[in-house]
Amino acid sequence: MAGNFRVHAFGIVGLNDKTDDLEDVLNDILADDIEDRVRTIGQHEIRVEHIEKVDGVWHLDFVKFRDVHGPGKGSRKTKVLGFDFKAGEVFCEETALMYCPKRSYILLQYNHHGVRYSAIEDYFSVYSGNPDNQYELQAKYDDDVDRKFTSRKATKSLTLAIDPRLLSDKDRDSKTALGSAIELGDKSNASKIEITITAGREKKRFLSKFIDDTATKMKKLAEKNPDAVGKLRAGVVSSGVDEKLQVLDLIEERLCRNFTDIPVGNDKRWPRDARYKALERARRGWKKIMG
């Protein structure tokens, strides 16, 4: 049985001129034994389970240790049973990654329960013990859409659809329209909230900075937690002579590939080689964009 395997594309940058070249960190990881690669990020321990450089491209497989309640195994004819763990063993979630140092981009398997891109940023930043290291993964979009959103003069409309059940207290407390949307979801017991905010047809009328900031923060949230944001469209006005309104779909135009033909193994896991091959397929498909 094949599942839905999603791949996202990111650029990676150092946030200051003292940040080490990422390959220096990767070589440190490669030199360490597997047990020495564990780092605590947030409330979870994660590590790089596998790492190698193939034809100039780094392949990494991250693991997050989940010492919490987990699933059991069963069938239509048998009762659900737990897994027989040995001492020290816990549930583990795997997340594959490819890094091209020549073009400074990363392709990442999306695993809702696995290692997210923000945790990978922190892992790389703290791994070698250099306090100046600070890496940031920046989601890749269609170049034209990203440029128009970043350079917009003003926002005329914003349409967003969220699942409030998948959002955190931090999201709820955000000083944007998102907090109001989540509150509405809580009060209505809704699994989906869709809101459109518009300044109307009046040419010189734009939405306030409050909504403009909401658009920016929603874009970041959609990158961080794509399951929670089902729709995000911004009507923007670009600087220029005509100041023409353009509607940008910040979900559809993000570089993302979905594969439904990646078979799971007998242990109900996607094999590492199959996950790497899916990342490579995405890389070939984006060659003109990524370089």
C-alpha atoms as a PDB file:
ATOM      1  CA  MET A   1       0.000   0.000   0.000  1.00  0.00           C
ATOM      2  CA  ALA A   2       1.384   3.409  -0.980  1.00  0.00           C
ATOM      3  CA  GLY A   3       0.819   6.535   1.058  1.00  0.00           C
ATOM      4  CA  ASN A   4       0.894  10.245   0.300  1.00  0.00           C
ATOM      5  CA  PHE A   5       4.548  11.308   0.311  1.00  0.00           C
ATOM      6  CA  ARG A   6       5.077  15.080   0.215  1.00  0.00           C
ATOM      7  CA  VAL A   7       8.292  16.943  -0.633  1.00  0.00           C
ATOM      8  CA  HIS A   8       8.940  20.643   0.047  1.00  0.00           C
ATOM      9  CA  ALA A   9      11.784  22.806  -1.270  1.00  0.00           C
ATOM     10  CA  PHE A  10      13.759  25.332   0.777  1.00  0.00           C
ATOM     11  CA  GLY A  11      16.691  27.648   0.397  1.00  0.00           C
ATOM     12  CA  ILE A  12      19.121  27.740   3.325  1.00  0.00           C
ATOM     13  CA  VAL A  13      21.056  30.767   4.511  1.00  0.00           C
ATOM     14  CA  GLY A  14      23.284  31.765   7.401  1.00  0.00           C
ATOM     15  CA  LEU A  15      21.814  34.696   9.310  1.00  0.00           C
ATOM     16  CA  ASN A  16      25.167  36.318  10.073  1.00  0.00           C
ATOM     17  CA  ASP A  17      28.659  36.426   8.594  1.00  0.00           C
ATOM     18  CA  LYS A  18      30.065  34.315  11.443  1.00  0.00           C
ATOM     19  CA  THR A  19      27.863  31.304  10.684  1.00  0.00           C
ATOM     20  CA  ASP A  20      29.917  28.320   9.509  1.00  0.00           C
ATOM     21  CA  ASP A  21      29.484  26.872   6.047  1.00  0.00           C
ATOM     22  CA  LEU A  22      26.786  24.215   6.433  1.00  0.00           C
ATOM     23  CA  GLU A  23      29.095  21.585   4.960  1.00  0.00           C
ATOM     24  CA  ASP A  24      31.411  22.070   7.947  1.00  0.00           C
ATOM     25  CA  VAL A  25      28.525  21.081  10.228  1.00  0.00           C
ATOM     26  CA  LEU A  26      27.591  18.138   8.002  1.00  0.00           C
ATOM     27  CA  ASN A  27      31.161  16.868   8.113  1.00  0.00           C
ATOM     28  CA  ASP A  28      31.054  17.106  11.925  1.00  0.00           C
ATOM     29  CA  ILE A  29      27.862  15.023  11.916  1.00  0.00           C
ATOM     30  CA  LEU A  30      29.415  12.508   9.536  1.00  0.00           C
ATOM     31  CA  ALA A  31      32.456  12.102  11.795  1.00  0.00           C
ATOM     32  CA  ASP A  32      30.393  11.432  14.935  1.00  0.00           C
ATOM     33  CA  ASP A  33      29.056   8.074  16.067  1.00  0.00           C
ATOM     34  CA  ILE A  34      25.293   7.695  15.835  1.00  0.00           C
ATOM     35  CA  GLU A  35      24.710   8.042  19.600  1.00  0.00           C
ATOM     36  CA  ASP A  36      26.739  11.272  19.674  1.00  0.00           C
ATOM     37  CA  ARG A  37      24.501  12.897  17.055  1.00  0.00           C
ATOM     38  CA  VAL A  38      21.517  13.256  19.386  1.00  0.00           C
ATOM     39  CA  ARG A  39      20.479  16.811  20.222  1.00  0.00           C
ATOM     40  CA  THR A  40      17.495  18.024  22.245  1.00  0.00           C
ATOM     41  CA  ILE A  41      15.469  20.486  20.194  1.00  0.00           C
ATOM     42  CA  GLY A  42      12.461  21.883  21.997  1.00  0.00           C
ATOM     43  CA  GLN A  43      10.996  18.984  23.946  1.00  0.00           C
ATOM     44  CA  HIS A  44      12.254  16.218  21.657  1.00  0.00           C
ATOM     45  CA  GLU A  45      15.511  14.423  21.020  1.00  0.00           C
ATOM     46  CA  ILE A  46      16.445  14.195  17.342  1.00  0.00           C
ATOM     47  CA  ARG A  47      19.469  12.972  15.412  1.00  0.00           C
ATOM     48  CA  VAL A  48      20.773  12.291  11.932  1.00  0.00           C
ATOM     49  CA  GLU A  49      20.435   8.536  11.489  1.00  0.00           C
ATOM     50  CA  HIS A  50      22.158   8.355   8.101  1.00  0.00           C
ATOM     51  CA  ILE A  51      24.356  10.808   6.214  1.00  0.00           C
ATOM     52  CA  GLU A  52      26.411  10.576   3.035  1.00  0.00           C
ATOM     53  CA  LYS A  53      27.407  12.717   0.074  1.00  0.00           C
ATOM     54  CA  VAL A  54      26.497  11.311  -3.342  1.00  0.00           C
ATOM     55  CA  ASP A  55      27.562  13.076  -6.549  1.00  0.00           C
ATOM     56  CA  GLY A  56      27.922  16.390  -4.742  1.00  0.00           C
ATOM     57  CA  VAL A  57      24.538  16.174  -2.966  1.00  0.00           C
ATOM     58  CA  TRP A  58      24.161  15.386   0.738  1.00  0.00           C
ATOM     59  CA  HIS A  59      21.596  12.767   1.805  1.00  0.00           C
ATOM     60  CA  LEU A  60      20.428  12.866   5.434  1.00  0.00           C
ATOM     61  CA  ASP A  61      17.805  10.872   7.297  1.00  0.00           C
ATOM     62  CA  PHE A  62      16.597  12.536  10.505  1.00  0.00           C
ATOM     63  CA  VAL A  63      14.908  10.706  13.366  1.00  0.00           C
ATOM     64  CA  LYS A  64      12.724  12.100  16.133  1.00  0.00           C
ATOM     65  CA  PHE A  65      12.364   9.993  19.272  1.00  0.00           C
ATOM     66  CA  ARG A  66       8.755   9.818  20.487  1.00  0.00           C
ATOM     67  CA  ASP A  67       8.642   8.568  24.064  1.00  0.00           C
ATOM     68  CA  VAL A  68       4.870   9.002  24.215  1.00  0.00           C
ATOM     69  CA  HIS A  69       1.655   7.097  23.625  1.00  0.00           C
ATOM     70  CA  GLY A  70       1.727   5.505  20.174  1.00  0.00           C
ATOM     71  CA  PRO A  71      -0.142   3.118  17.865  1.00  0.00           C
ATOM     72  CA  GLY A  72      -0.556  -0.621  18.156  1.00  0.00           C
ATOM     73  CA  LYS A  73      -0.761  -3.376  15.551  1.00  0.00           C
ATOM     74  CA  GLY A  74      -3.788  -5.457  14.635  1.00  0.00           C
ATOM     75  CA  SER A  75      -6.010  -6.763  11.867  1.00  0.00           C
ATOM     76  CA  ARG A  76      -9.666  -7.476  11.167  1.00  0.00           C
ATOM     77  CA  LYS A  77      -9.262 -10.892  12.750  1.00  0.00           C
ATOM     78  CA  THR A  78      -6.898 -10.047  15.612  1.00  0.00           C
ATOM     79  CA  LYS A  79      -7.053  -7.684  18.549  1.00  0.00           C
ATOM     80  CA  VAL A  80      -4.757  -4.688  18.739  1.00  0.00           C
ATOM     81  CA  LEU A  81      -1.447  -5.417  20.429  1.00  0.00           C
ATOM     82  CA  GLY A  82       1.364  -3.164  21.536  1.00  0.00           C
ATOM     83  CA  PHE A  83       4.914  -3.379  20.242  1.00  0.00           C
ATOM     84  CA  ASP A  84       7.458  -5.320  22.260  1.00  0.00           C
ATOM     85  CA  PHE A  85      10.086  -2.653  22.940  1.00  0.00           C
ATOM     86  CA  LYS A  86      13.464  -3.449  24.418  1.00  0.00           C
ATOM     87  CA  ALA A  87      14.899  -1.275  27.192  1.00  0.00           C
ATOM     88  CA  GLY A  88      15.612   2.212  25.883  1.00  0.00           C
ATOM     89  CA  GLU A  89      13.594   1.801  22.667  1.00  0.00           C
ATOM     90  CA  VAL A  90      10.792   4.217  21.746  1.00  0.00           C
ATOM     91  CA  PHE A  91       8.754   5.181  18.687  1.00  0.00           C
ATOM     92  CA  CYS A  92      10.838   6.943  16.043  1.00  0.00           C
ATOM     93  CA  GLU A  93       9.727   9.165  13.158  1.00  0.00           C
ATOM     94  CA  GLU A  94      11.909   9.448  10.047  1.00  0.00           C
ATOM     95  CA  THR A  95      12.377  12.470   7.777  1.00  0.00           C
ATOM     96  CA  ALA A  96      14.609  12.411   4.683  1.00  0.00           C
ATOM     97  CA  LEU A  97      16.509  15.454   3.420  1.00  0.00           C
ATOM     98  CA  MET A  98      18.707  16.350   0.445  1.00  0.00           C
ATOM     99  CA  TYR A  99      21.081  19.316   0.443  1.00  0.00           C
ATOM    100  CA  CYS A 100      22.769  20.733  -2.650  1.00  0.00           C
ATOM    101  CA  PRO A 101      25.687  22.921  -1.489  1.00  0.00           C
ATOM    102  CA  LYS A 102      26.333  24.242  -4.984  1.00  0.00           C
ATOM    103  CA  ARG A 103      22.866  25.843  -5.183  1.00  0.00           C
ATOM    104  CA  SER A 104      22.162  26.169  -1.433  1.00  0.00           C
ATOM    105  CA  TYR A 105      18.793  24.433  -1.476  1.00  0.00           C
ATOM    106  CA  ILE A 106      17.226  21.674   0.583  1.00  0.00           C
ATOM    107  CA  LEU A 107      14.525  19.166  -0.366  1.00  0.00           C
ATOM    108  CA  LEU A 108      12.668  17.826   2.641  1.00  0.00           C
ATOM    109  CA  GLN A 109      10.194  15.022   3.198  1.00  0.00           C
ATOM    110  CA  TYR A 110       7.155  16.336   5.067  1.00  0.00           C
ATOM    111  CA  ASN A 111       6.269  14.169   8.052  1.00  0.00           C
ATOM    112  CA  HIS A 112       3.588  15.645  10.305  1.00  0.00           C
ATOM    113  CA  HIS A 113       4.889  13.684  13.307  1.00  0.00           C
ATOM    114  CA  GLY A 114       8.538  13.814  12.277  1.00  0.00           C
ATOM    115  CA  VAL A 115      11.318  16.386  12.268  1.00  0.00           C
ATOM    116  CA  ARG A 116       9.990  19.711  10.964  1.00  0.00           C
ATOM    117  CA  TYR A 117      12.068  22.270   9.117  1.00  0.00           C
ATOM    118  CA  SER A 118      12.243  24.600  12.141  1.00  0.00           C
ATOM    119  CA  ALA A 119      13.765  21.797  14.242  1.00  0.00           C
ATOM    120  CA  ILE A 120      16.290  21.119  11.477  1.00  0.00           C
ATOM    121  CA  GLU A 121      17.284  24.801  11.516  1.00  0.00           C
ATOM    122  CA  ASP A 122      17.944  24.552  15.248  1.00  0.00           C
ATOM    123  CA  TYR A 123      19.720  21.197  14.973  1.00  0.00           C
ATOM    124  CA  PHE A 124      22.189  22.525  12.411  1.00  0.00           C
ATOM    125  CA  SER A 125      22.630  25.742  14.418  1.00  0.00           C
ATOM    126  CA  VAL A 126      23.534  24.075  17.728  1.00  0.00           C
ATOM    127  CA  TYR A 127      25.256  20.929  16.494  1.00  0.00           C
ATOM    128  CA  SER A 128      28.894  22.038  16.379  1.00  0.00           C
ATOM    129  CA  GLY A 129      28.761  24.245  19.452  1.00  0.00           C
ATOM    130  CA  ASN A 130      29.516  27.491  17.613  1.00  0.00           C
ATOM    131  CA  PRO A 131      27.297  30.098  19.343  1.00  0.00           C
ATOM    132  CA  ASP A 132      27.348  32.257  16.199  1.00  0.00           C
ATOM    133  CA  ASN A 133      25.852  29.558  13.979  1.00  0.00           C
ATOM    134  CA  GLN A 134      22.338  30.474  12.912  1.00  0.00           C
ATOM    135  CA  TYR A 135      20.741  28.839   9.882  1.00  0.00           C
ATOM    136  CA  GLU A 136      17.353  29.565   8.341  1.00  0.00           C
ATOM    137  CA  LEU A 137      15.362  27.471   5.870  1.00  0.00           C
ATOM    138  CA  GLN A 138      13.319  29.630   3.504  1.00  0.00           C
ATOM    139  CA  ALA A 139      10.449  28.007   1.606  1.00  0.00           C
ATOM    140  CA  LYS A 140      10.798  28.086  -2.172  1.00  0.00           C
ATOM    141  CA  TYR A 141       7.996  29.410  -4.377  1.00  0.00           C
ATOM    142  CA  ASP A 142       7.506  30.084  -8.015  1.00  0.00           C
ATOM    143  CA  ASP A 143      10.009  32.920  -8.469  1.00  0.00           C
ATOM    144  CA  ASP A 144       7.461  35.322  -9.949  1.00  0.00           C
ATOM    145  CA  VAL A 145       4.926  34.809  -7.153  1.00  0.00           C
ATOM    146  CA  ASP A 146       7.522  35.159  -4.403  1.00  0.00           C
ATOM    147  CA  ARG A 147       8.878  38.364  -5.938  1.00  0.00           C
ATOM    148  CA  LYS A 148       5.413  39.915  -6.282  1.00  0.00           C
ATOM    149  CA  PHE A 149       4.440  39.084  -2.701  1.00  0.00           C
ATOM    150  CA  THR A 150       7.702  40.310  -1.192  1.00  0.00           C
ATOM    151  CA  SER A 151       7.749  43.559  -3.174  1.00  0.00           C
ATOM    152  CA  ARG A 152       4.021  44.335  -2.852  1.00  0.00           C
ATOM    153  CA  LYS A 153       3.048  47.944  -2.242  1.00  0.00           C
ATOM    154  CA  ALA A 154      -0.147  47.032  -0.409  1.00  0.00           C
ATOM    155  CA  THR A 155      -2.632  44.229   0.252  1.00  0.00           C
ATOM    156  CA  LYS A 156      -6.167  44.562  -1.157  1.00  0.00           C
ATOM    157  CA  SER A 157      -7.620  41.204  -0.130  1.00  0.00           C
ATOM    158  CA  LEU A 158      -6.784  38.151   1.941  1.00  0.00           C
ATOM    159  CA  THR A 159      -8.506  34.762   1.877  1.00  0.00           C
ATOM    160  CA  LEU A 160      -7.462  32.146   4.384  1.00  0.00           C
ATOM    161  CA  ALA A 161      -8.774  28.739   5.407  1.00  0.00           C
ATOM    162  CA  ILE A 162      -7.501  27.098   8.580  1.00  0.00           C
ATOM    163  CA  ASP A 163      -8.123  24.046  10.731  1.00  0.00           C
ATOM    164  CA  PRO A 164      -8.136  25.597  14.239  1.00  0.00           C
ATOM    165  CA  ARG A 165      -7.633  22.181  15.851  1.00  0.00           C
ATOM    166  CA  LEU A 166      -4.095  22.010  14.441  1.00  0.00           C
ATOM    167  CA  LEU A 167      -2.930  25.386  15.699  1.00  0.00           C
ATOM    168  CA  SER A 168      -0.995  26.142  18.872  1.00  0.00           C
ATOM    169  CA  ASP A 169      -1.531  28.549  21.744  1.00  0.00           C
ATOM    170  CA  LYS A 170       1.228  30.691  20.234  1.00  0.00           C
ATOM    171  CA  ASP A 171      -0.798  30.927  17.018  1.00  0.00           C
ATOM    172  CA  ARG A 172      -3.880  31.828  19.047  1.00  0.00           C
ATOM    173  CA  ASP A 173      -2.035  34.647  20.795  1.00  0.00           C
ATOM    174  CA  SER A 174      -0.632  36.117  17.580  1.00  0.00           C
ATOM    175  CA  LYS A 175      -1.481  39.783  17.153  1.00  0.00           C
ATOM    176  CA  THR A 176      -3.033  39.195  13.734  1.00  0.00           C
ATOM    177  CA  ALA A 177      -6.391  38.261  12.238  1.00  0.00           C
ATOM    178  CA  LEU A 178      -5.378  34.619  12.751  1.00  0.00           C
ATOM    179  CA  GLY A 179      -6.092  34.871  16.481  1.00  0.00           C
ATOM    180  CA  SER A 180      -9.628  36.097  15.770  1.00  0.00           C
ATOM    181  CA  ALA A 181     -10.196  33.289  13.261  1.00  0.00           C
ATOM    182  CA  ILE A 182      -9.043  30.663  15.766  1.00  0.00           C
ATOM    183  CA  GLU A 183     -11.286  32.148  18.458  1.00  0.00           C
ATOM    184  CA  LEU A 184     -14.223  31.910  16.060  1.00  0.00           C
ATOM    185  CA  GLY A 185     -13.333  28.269  15.422  1.00  0.00           C
ATOM    186  CA  ASP A 186     -13.240  27.540  19.157  1.00  0.00           C
ATOM    187  CA  LYS A 187     -16.629  29.131  19.782  1.00  0.00           C
ATOM    188  CA  SER A 188     -18.287  27.431  16.810  1.00  0.00           C
ATOM    189  CA  ASN A 189     -16.690  23.973  17.276  1.00  0.00           C
ATOM    190  CA  ALA A 190     -15.602  24.158  13.631  1.00  0.00           C
ATOM    191  CA  SER A 191     -13.010  21.983  11.908  1.00  0.00           C
ATOM    192  CA  LYS A 192     -12.520  24.581   9.172  1.00  0.00           C
ATOM    193  CA  ILE A 193     -12.693  28.364   9.171  1.00  0.00           C
ATOM    194  CA  GLU A 194     -12.545  30.256   5.876  1.00  0.00           C
ATOM    195  CA  ILE A 195     -12.430  34.045   5.839  1.00  0.00           C
ATOM    196  CA  THR A 196     -12.135  36.606   3.054  1.00  0.00           C
ATOM    197  CA  ILE A 197     -11.162  40.170   3.918  1.00  0.00           C
ATOM    198  CA  THR A 198     -11.270  42.735   1.140  1.00  0.00           C
ATOM    199  CA  ALA A 199     -10.838  46.476   0.680  1.00  0.00           C
ATOM    200  CA  GLY A 200     -13.394  46.477  -2.135  1.00  0.00           C
ATOM    201  CA  ARG A 201     -13.165  47.976  -5.605  1.00  0.00           C
ATOM    202  CA  GLU A 202     -12.181  51.495  -4.609  1.00  0.00           C
ATOM    203  CA  LYS A 203      -8.792  51.985  -6.270  1.00  0.00           C
ATOM    204  CA  LYS A 204      -7.046  53.898  -3.492  1.00  0.00           C
ATOM    205  CA  ARG A 205      -8.462  51.823  -0.640  1.00  0.00           C
ATOM    206  CA  PHE A 206      -6.123  49.202   0.859  1.00  0.00           C
ATOM    207  CA  LEU A 207      -6.273  46.877   3.838  1.00  0.00           C
ATOM    208  CA  SER A 208      -4.558  48.042   7.022  1.00  0.00           C
ATOM    209  CA  LYS A 209      -1.051  47.121   8.129  1.00  0.00           C
ATOM    210  CA  PHE A 210      -2.708  44.711  10.589  1.00  0.00           C
ATOM    211  CA  ILE A 211      -3.956  42.606   7.663  1.00  0.00           C
ATOM    212  CA  ASP A 212      -0.752  43.129   5.696  1.00  0.00           C
ATOM    213  CA  ASP A 213       1.183  41.695   8.657  1.00  0.00           C
ATOM    214  CA  THR A 214      -1.357  38.869   8.895  1.00  0.00           C
ATOM    215  CA  ALA A 215      -0.628  37.911   5.275  1.00  0.00           C
ATOM    216  CA  THR A 216       3.106  37.718   5.999  1.00  0.00           C
ATOM    217  CA  LYS A 217       2.651  35.663   9.172  1.00  0.00           C
ATOM    218  CA  MET A 218       0.127  33.344   7.515  1.00  0.00           C
ATOM    219  CA  LYS A 219       2.642  32.668   4.757  1.00  0.00           C
ATOM    220  CA  LYS A 220       5.187  31.597   7.388  1.00  0.00           C
ATOM    221  CA  LEU A 221       2.576  29.494   9.206  1.00  0.00           C
ATOM    222  CA  ALA A 222       1.628  27.702   5.977  1.00  0.00           C
ATOM    223  CA  GLU A 223       5.295  26.834   5.511  1.00  0.00           C
ATOM    224  CA  LYS A 224       5.668  25.607   9.091  1.00  0.00           C
ATOM    225  CA  ASN A 225       2.344  23.775   9.458  1.00  0.00           C
ATOM    226  CA  PRO A 226       0.856  23.074   6.001  1.00  0.00           C
ATOM    227  CA  ASP A 227      -1.850  20.760   7.346  1.00  0.00           C
ATOM    228  CA  ALA A 228      -3.342  23.649   9.323  1.00  0.00           C
ATOM    229  CA  VAL A 229      -3.587  26.117   6.426  1.00  0.00           C
ATOM    230  CA  GLY A 230      -5.697  24.843   3.539  1.00  0.00           C
ATOM    231  CA  LYS A 231      -5.977  28.078   1.586  1.00  0.00           C
ATOM    232  CA  LEU A 232      -4.042  31.333   1.476  1.00  0.00           C
ATOM    233  CA  ARG A 233      -4.605  33.861  -1.289  1.00  0.00           C
ATOM    234  CA  ALA A 234      -3.447  37.465  -1.202  1.00  0.00           C
ATOM    235  CA  GLY A 235      -4.643  40.179  -3.561  1.00  0.00           C
ATOM    236  CA  VAL A 236      -1.673  42.527  -3.814  1.00  0.00           C
ATOM    237  CA  VAL A 237      -0.829  45.752  -5.579  1.00  0.00           C
ATOM    238  CA  SER A 238       2.718  46.025  -6.868  1.00  0.00           C
ATOM    239  CA  SER A 239       4.689  49.228  -7.083  1.00  0.00           C
ATOM    240  CA  GLY A 240       4.615  50.648 -10.580  1.00  0.00           C
ATOM    241  CA  VAL A 241       2.777  52.873 -12.986  1.00  0.00           C
ATOM    242  CA  ASP A 242      -0.431  50.852 -13.321  1.00  0.00           C
ATOM    243  CA  GLU A 243      -0.486  49.358  -9.793  1.00  0.00           C
ATOM    244  CA  LYS A 244      -2.486  46.406 -11.097  1.00  0.00           C
ATOM    245  CA  LEU A 245      -4.174  44.069  -8.610  1.00  0.00           C
ATOM    246  CA  GLN A 246      -2.909  40.484  -8.736  1.00  0.00           C
ATOM    247  CA  VAL A 247      -4.169  37.534  -6.694  1.00  0.00           C
ATOM    248  CA  LEU A 248      -1.341  35.293  -5.504  1.00  0.00           C
ATOM    249  CA  ASP A 249      -2.044  31.746  -4.332  1.00  0.00           C
ATOM    250  CA  LEU A 250       0.570  31.174  -1.636  1.00  0.00           C
ATOM    251  CA  ILE A 251      -0.331  27.499  -1.242  1.00  0.00           C
ATOM    252  CA  GLU A 252      -0.500  26.345  -4.849  1.00  0.00           C
ATOM    253  CA  GLU A 253       2.601  28.285  -5.910  1.00  0.00           C
ATOM    254  CA  ARG A 254       4.838  26.843  -3.217  1.00  0.00           C
ATOM    255  CA  LEU A 255       7.278  24.263  -4.580  1.00  0.00           C
ATOM    256  CA  CYS A 256       5.748  20.997  -3.395  1.00  0.00           C
ATOM    257  CA  ARG A 257       5.433  17.522  -4.891  1.00  0.00           C
ATOM    258  CA  ASN A 258       3.040  14.810  -3.789  1.00  0.00           C
ATOM    259  CA  PHE A 259       3.886  11.198  -4.592  1.00  0.00           C
ATOM    260  CA  THR A 260       1.295   8.460  -4.150  1.00  0.00           C
ATOM    261  CA  ASP A 261       3.361   5.623  -5.590  1.00  0.00           C
ATOM    262  CA  ILE A 262       5.969   5.199  -2.835  1.00  0.00           C
ATOM    263  CA  PRO A 263       5.266   1.707  -1.460  1.00  0.00           C
ATOM    264  CA  VAL A 264       5.711   0.916   2.211  1.00  0.00           C
ATOM    265  CA  GLY A 265       7.717  -2.105   3.315  1.00  0.00           C
ATOM    266  CA  ASN A 266       6.513  -5.127   5.252  1.00  0.00           C
ATOM    267  CA  ASP A 267       7.164  -3.171   8.448  1.00  0.00           C
ATOM    268  CA  LYS A 268       4.723  -0.448   7.247  1.00  0.00           C
ATOM    269  CA  ARG A 269       7.523   2.117   6.881  1.00  0.00           C
ATOM    270  CA  TRP A 270       8.755   3.902   3.787  1.00  0.00           C
ATOM    271  CA  PRO A 271      12.225   2.452   3.125  1.00  0.00           C
ATOM    272  CA  ARG A 272      15.032   5.010   3.252  1.00  0.00           C
ATOM    273  CA  ASP A 273      16.136   4.344  -0.322  1.00  0.00           C
ATOM    274  CA  ALA A 274      12.567   4.856  -1.573  1.00  0.00           C
ATOM    275  CA  ARG A 275      12.349   8.179   0.264  1.00  0.00           C
ATOM    276  CA  TYR A 276      15.667   9.361  -1.162  1.00  0.00           C
ATOM    277  CA  LYS A 277      14.510   8.364  -4.653  1.00  0.00           C
ATOM    278  CA  ALA A 278      11.347  10.446  -4.190  1.00  0.00           C
ATOM    279  CA  LEU A 279      13.456  13.465  -3.229  1.00  0.00           C
ATOM    280  CA  GLU A 280      15.613  12.899  -6.308  1.00  0.00           C
ATOM    281  CA  ARG A 281      12.508  12.732  -8.522  1.00  0.00           C
ATOM    282  CA  ALA A 282      11.366  16.060  -7.105  1.00  0.00           C
ATOM    283  CA  ARG A 283      14.846  17.502  -7.674  1.00  0.00           C
ATOM    284  CA  ARG A 284      14.816  16.485 -11.336  1.00  0.00           C
ATOM    285  CA  GLY A 285      11.352  17.962 -11.788  1.00  0.00           C
ATOM    286  CA  TRP A 286      12.471  21.302 -10.341  1.00  0.00           C
ATOM    287  CA  LYS A 287      15.803  21.435 -12.150  1.00  0.00           C
ATOM    288  CA  LYS A 288      14.909  24.527 -14.202  1.00  0.00           C
ATOM    289  CA  ILE A 289      13.798  26.394 -11.079  1.00  0.00           C
ATOM    290  CA  MET A 290      16.450  25.197  -8.625  1.00  0.00           C
ATOM    291  CA  GLY A 291      19.354  25.211 -11.083  1.00  0.00           C
END
